Amino acid sequence: MNEYQAFYEMVKYWTMNDYRTQAIKSEVIIDMLISDFIEEMVTAKLSEFDSKIS
């Protein structure tokens, strides 16, 4: 399983589990899930953008 598939499966698992928790809004769930990965996501996109410019 590649890193994108693993990330997707983790997000899917926790979203489905947390969906049943009435007190938590979806924005909070997504924030908690991506907060550990946001730096890598932004860096990857910026690198992709830089390579297209060069």
PDB file of N, CA and C in Angstrom:
ATOM      1  N   MET A   1       0.848  -1.169   0.000  1.00  0.00           N
ATOM      2  CA  MET A   1       0.000   0.000   0.000  1.00  0.00           C
ATOM      3  C   MET A   1       0.901   1.242   0.000  1.00  0.00           C
ATOM      4  N   ASN A   2       0.643   2.159  -0.914  1.00  0.00           N
ATOM      5  CA  ASN A   2       1.475   3.364  -0.958  1.00  0.00           C
ATOM      6  C   ASN A   2       1.012   4.373   0.092  1.00  0.00           C
ATOM      7  N   GLU A   3       1.777   5.441   0.253  1.00  0.00           N
ATOM      8  CA  GLU A   3       1.498   6.402   1.322  1.00  0.00           C
ATOM      9  C   GLU A   3       0.168   7.122   1.124  1.00  0.00           C
ATOM     10  N   TYR A   4      -0.227   7.360  -0.130  1.00  0.00           N
ATOM     11  CA  TYR A   4      -1.496   8.032  -0.380  1.00  0.00           C
ATOM     12  C   TYR A   4      -2.678   7.134  -0.025  1.00  0.00           C
ATOM     13  N   GLN A   5      -2.571   5.875  -0.370  1.00  0.00           N
ATOM     14  CA  GLN A   5      -3.622   4.923  -0.039  1.00  0.00           C
ATOM     15  C   GLN A   5      -3.730   4.748   1.475  1.00  0.00           C
ATOM     16  N   ALA A   6      -2.591   4.682   2.150  1.00  0.00           N
ATOM     17  CA  ALA A   6      -2.589   4.544   3.611  1.00  0.00           C
ATOM     18  C   ALA A   6      -3.236   5.769   4.259  1.00  0.00           C
ATOM     19  N   PHE A   7      -2.911   6.954   3.769  1.00  0.00           N
ATOM     20  CA  PHE A   7      -3.496   8.187   4.288  1.00  0.00           C
ATOM     21  C   PHE A   7      -5.009   8.190   4.064  1.00  0.00           C
ATOM     22  N   TYR A   8      -5.417   7.824   2.855  1.00  0.00           N
ATOM     23  CA  TYR A   8      -6.843   7.779   2.530  1.00  0.00           C
ATOM     24  C   TYR A   8      -7.583   6.801   3.435  1.00  0.00           C
ATOM     25  N   GLU A   9      -7.024   5.635   3.637  1.00  0.00           N
ATOM     26  CA  GLU A   9      -7.662   4.630   4.484  1.00  0.00           C
ATOM     27  C   GLU A   9      -7.772   5.115   5.928  1.00  0.00           C
ATOM     28  N   MET A  10      -6.741   5.812   6.427  1.00  0.00           N
ATOM     29  CA  MET A  10      -6.778   6.338   7.783  1.00  0.00           C
ATOM     30  C   MET A  10      -7.875   7.395   7.916  1.00  0.00           C
ATOM     31  N   VAL A  11      -7.938   8.311   6.956  1.00  0.00           N
ATOM     32  CA  VAL A  11      -8.958   9.359   6.987  1.00  0.00           C
ATOM     33  C   VAL A  11     -10.348   8.746   6.907  1.00  0.00           C
ATOM     34  N   LYS A  12     -10.521   7.790   6.042  1.00  0.00           N
ATOM     35  CA  LYS A  12     -11.824   7.135   5.893  1.00  0.00           C
ATOM     36  C   LYS A  12     -12.237   6.442   7.192  1.00  0.00           C
ATOM     37  N   TYR A  13     -11.307   5.719   7.796  1.00  0.00           N
ATOM     38  CA  TYR A  13     -11.593   5.001   9.035  1.00  0.00           C
ATOM     39  C   TYR A  13     -12.023   5.955  10.150  1.00  0.00           C
ATOM     40  N   TRP A  14     -11.234   7.007  10.381  1.00  0.00           N
ATOM     41  CA  TRP A  14     -11.540   7.916  11.477  1.00  0.00           C
ATOM     42  C   TRP A  14     -12.757   8.777  11.188  1.00  0.00           C
ATOM     43  N   THR A  15     -12.989   9.123   9.940  1.00  0.00           N
ATOM     44  CA  THR A  15     -14.175   9.896   9.597  1.00  0.00           C
ATOM     45  C   THR A  15     -15.434   9.092   9.871  1.00  0.00           C
ATOM     46  N   MET A  16     -15.413   7.828   9.479  1.00  0.00           N
ATOM     47  CA  MET A  16     -16.579   6.980   9.735  1.00  0.00           C
ATOM     48  C   MET A  16     -16.793   6.770  11.237  1.00  0.00           C
ATOM     49  N   ASN A  17     -15.722   6.588  11.986  1.00  0.00           N
ATOM     50  CA  ASN A  17     -15.861   6.406  13.435  1.00  0.00           C
ATOM     51  C   ASN A  17     -16.344   7.681  14.124  1.00  0.00           C
ATOM     52  N   ASP A  18     -15.772   8.808  13.738  1.00  0.00           N
ATOM     53  CA  ASP A  18     -16.135  10.072  14.373  1.00  0.00           C
ATOM     54  C   ASP A  18     -17.472  10.616  13.884  1.00  0.00           C
ATOM     55  N   TYR A  19     -17.937  10.148  12.740  1.00  0.00           N
ATOM     56  CA  TYR A  19     -19.226  10.593  12.204  1.00  0.00           C
ATOM     57  C   TYR A  19     -20.354  10.302  13.197  1.00  0.00           C
ATOM     58  N   ARG A  20     -20.208   9.236  13.908  1.00  0.00           N
ATOM     59  CA  ARG A  20     -21.246   8.824  14.858  1.00  0.00           C
ATOM     60  C   ARG A  20     -21.228   9.649  16.150  1.00  0.00           C
ATOM     61  N   THR A  21     -20.198  10.464  16.332  1.00  0.00           N
ATOM     62  CA  THR A  21     -20.109  11.325  17.518  1.00  0.00           C
ATOM     63  C   THR A  21     -20.834  12.629  17.209  1.00  0.00           C
ATOM     64  N   GLN A  22     -21.972  12.800  17.803  1.00  0.00           N
ATOM     65  CA  GLN A  22     -22.839  13.939  17.487  1.00  0.00           C
ATOM     66  C   GLN A  22     -22.242  15.299  17.846  1.00  0.00           C
ATOM     67  N   ALA A  23     -21.401  15.342  18.868  1.00  0.00           N
ATOM     68  CA  ALA A  23     -20.902  16.621  19.368  1.00  0.00           C
ATOM     69  C   ALA A  23     -19.763  17.202  18.531  1.00  0.00           C
ATOM     70  N   ILE A  24     -19.168  16.408  17.666  1.00  0.00           N
ATOM     71  CA  ILE A  24     -18.023  16.883  16.877  1.00  0.00           C
ATOM     72  C   ILE A  24     -18.469  17.211  15.460  1.00  0.00           C
ATOM     73  N   LYS A  25     -18.088  18.394  14.994  1.00  0.00           N
ATOM     74  CA  LYS A  25     -18.402  18.796  13.625  1.00  0.00           C
ATOM     75  C   LYS A  25     -17.357  18.223  12.676  1.00  0.00           C
ATOM     76  N   SER A  26     -17.733  18.063  11.433  1.00  0.00           N
ATOM     77  CA  SER A  26     -16.836  17.472  10.441  1.00  0.00           C
ATOM     78  C   SER A  26     -15.562  18.289  10.259  1.00  0.00           C
ATOM     79  N   GLU A  27     -15.633  19.621  10.401  1.00  0.00           N
ATOM     80  CA  GLU A  27     -14.444  20.459  10.245  1.00  0.00           C
ATOM     81  C   GLU A  27     -13.393  20.114  11.296  1.00  0.00           C
ATOM     82  N   VAL A  28     -13.852  19.836  12.500  1.00  0.00           N
ATOM     83  CA  VAL A  28     -12.938  19.481  13.582  1.00  0.00           C
ATOM     84  C   VAL A  28     -12.305  18.128  13.308  1.00  0.00           C
ATOM     85  N   ILE A  29     -13.095  17.200  12.814  1.00  0.00           N
ATOM     86  CA  ILE A  29     -12.581  15.866  12.496  1.00  0.00           C
ATOM     87  C   ILE A  29     -11.498  15.963  11.418  1.00  0.00           C
ATOM     88  N   ILE A  30     -11.786  16.675  10.346  1.00  0.00           N
ATOM     89  CA  ILE A  30     -10.816  16.809   9.258  1.00  0.00           C
ATOM     90  C   ILE A  30      -9.564  17.523   9.751  1.00  0.00           C
ATOM     91  N   ASP A  31      -9.733  18.572  10.551  1.00  0.00           N
ATOM     92  CA  ASP A  31      -8.582  19.294  11.098  1.00  0.00           C
ATOM     93  C   ASP A  31      -7.687  18.369  11.919  1.00  0.00           C
ATOM     94  N   MET A  32      -8.293  17.552  12.759  1.00  0.00           N
ATOM     95  CA  MET A  32      -7.509  16.634  13.584  1.00  0.00           C
ATOM     96  C   MET A  32      -6.775  15.611  12.713  1.00  0.00           C
ATOM     97  N   LEU A  33      -7.418  15.169  11.654  1.00  0.00           N
ATOM     98  CA  LEU A  33      -6.818  14.145  10.804  1.00  0.00           C
ATOM     99  C   LEU A  33      -5.657  14.675   9.969  1.00  0.00           C
ATOM    100  N   ILE A  34      -5.783  15.881   9.433  1.00  0.00           N
ATOM    101  CA  ILE A  34      -4.731  16.368   8.537  1.00  0.00           C
ATOM    102  C   ILE A  34      -3.656  17.190   9.229  1.00  0.00           C
ATOM    103  N   SER A  35      -3.863  17.550  10.491  1.00  0.00           N
ATOM    104  CA  SER A  35      -2.891  18.421  11.166  1.00  0.00           C
ATOM    105  C   SER A  35      -1.490  17.819  11.205  1.00  0.00           C
ATOM    106  N   ASP A  36      -1.384  16.495  11.298  1.00  0.00           N
ATOM    107  CA  ASP A  36      -0.063  15.866  11.304  1.00  0.00           C
ATOM    108  C   ASP A  36       0.582  15.843   9.917  1.00  0.00           C
ATOM    109  N   PHE A  37      -0.212  16.035   8.876  1.00  0.00           N
ATOM    110  CA  PHE A  37       0.279  15.876   7.508  1.00  0.00           C
ATOM    111  C   PHE A  37       0.314  17.167   6.702  1.00  0.00           C
ATOM    112  N   ILE A  38      -0.223  18.246   7.241  1.00  0.00           N
ATOM    113  CA  ILE A  38      -0.378  19.466   6.453  1.00  0.00           C
ATOM    114  C   ILE A  38       0.955  20.014   5.950  1.00  0.00           C
ATOM    115  N   GLU A  39       1.992  19.943   6.756  1.00  0.00           N
ATOM    116  CA  GLU A  39       3.301  20.442   6.324  1.00  0.00           C
ATOM    117  C   GLU A  39       3.797  19.663   5.113  1.00  0.00           C
ATOM    118  N   GLU A  40       3.682  18.340   5.155  1.00  0.00           N
ATOM    119  CA  GLU A  40       4.110  17.516   4.026  1.00  0.00           C
ATOM    120  C   GLU A  40       3.257  17.781   2.785  1.00  0.00           C
ATOM    121  N   MET A  41       1.966  17.978   2.977  1.00  0.00           N
ATOM    122  CA  MET A  41       1.068  18.218   1.848  1.00  0.00           C
ATOM    123  C   MET A  41       1.409  19.534   1.149  1.00  0.00           C
ATOM    124  N   VAL A  42       1.612  20.575   1.938  1.00  0.00           N
ATOM    125  CA  VAL A  42       1.934  21.884   1.366  1.00  0.00           C
ATOM    126  C   VAL A  42       3.303  21.850   0.697  1.00  0.00           C
ATOM    127  N   THR A  43       4.281  21.226   1.337  1.00  0.00           N
ATOM    128  CA  THR A  43       5.621  21.114   0.754  1.00  0.00           C
ATOM    129  C   THR A  43       5.583  20.375  -0.577  1.00  0.00           C
ATOM    130  N   ALA A  44       4.819  19.303  -0.635  1.00  0.00           N
ATOM    131  CA  ALA A  44       4.711  18.526  -1.884  1.00  0.00           C
ATOM    132  C   ALA A  44       4.098  19.366  -2.992  1.00  0.00           C
ATOM    133  N   LYS A  45       3.054  20.101  -2.682  1.00  0.00           N
ATOM    134  CA  LYS A  45       2.408  20.939  -3.701  1.00  0.00           C
ATOM    135  C   LYS A  45       3.319  22.079  -4.142  1.00  0.00           C
ATOM    136  N   LEU A  46       4.032  22.700  -3.192  1.00  0.00           N
ATOM    137  CA  LEU A  46       4.944  23.782  -3.557  1.00  0.00           C
ATOM    138  C   LEU A  46       6.088  23.258  -4.419  1.00  0.00           C
ATOM    139  N   SER A  47       6.592  22.078  -4.105  1.00  0.00           N
ATOM    140  CA  SER A  47       7.655  21.468  -4.912  1.00  0.00           C
ATOM    141  C   SER A  47       7.146  21.187  -6.325  1.00  0.00           C
ATOM    142  N   GLU A  48       5.929  20.694  -6.400  1.00  0.00           N
ATOM    143  CA  GLU A  48       5.313  20.426  -7.704  1.00  0.00           C
ATOM    144  C   GLU A  48       5.158  21.718  -8.501  1.00  0.00           C
ATOM    145  N   PHE A  49       4.735  22.776  -7.827  1.00  0.00           N
ATOM    146  CA  PHE A  49       4.563  24.083  -8.458  1.00  0.00           C
ATOM    147  C   PHE A  49       5.907  24.638  -8.936  1.00  0.00           C
ATOM    148  N   ASP A  50       6.941  24.523  -8.083  1.00  0.00           N
ATOM    149  CA  ASP A  50       8.265  25.014  -8.440  1.00  0.00           C
ATOM    150  C   ASP A  50       8.830  24.275  -9.652  1.00  0.00           C
ATOM    151  N   SER A  51       8.603  22.995  -9.738  1.00  0.00           N
ATOM    152  CA  SER A  51       9.129  22.219 -10.860  1.00  0.00           C
ATOM    153  C   SER A  51       8.432  22.592 -12.166  1.00  0.00           C
ATOM    154  N   LYS A  52       7.187  23.008 -12.098  1.00  0.00           N
ATOM    155  CA  LYS A  52       6.456  23.442 -13.315  1.00  0.00           C
ATOM    156  C   LYS A  52       6.950  24.811 -13.786  1.00  0.00           C
ATOM    157  N   ILE A  53       7.338  25.666 -12.848  1.00  0.00           N
ATOM    158  CA  ILE A  53       7.815  27.001 -13.185  1.00  0.00           C
ATOM    159  C   ILE A  53       9.211  26.948 -13.814  1.00  0.00           C
ATOM    160  N   SER A  54      10.045  26.076 -13.294  1.00  0.00           N
ATOM    161  CA  SER A  54      11.448  26.004 -13.740  1.00  0.00           C
ATOM    162  C   SER A  54      11.595  25.463 -15.131  1.00  0.00           C
TER     163      SER A  54
END
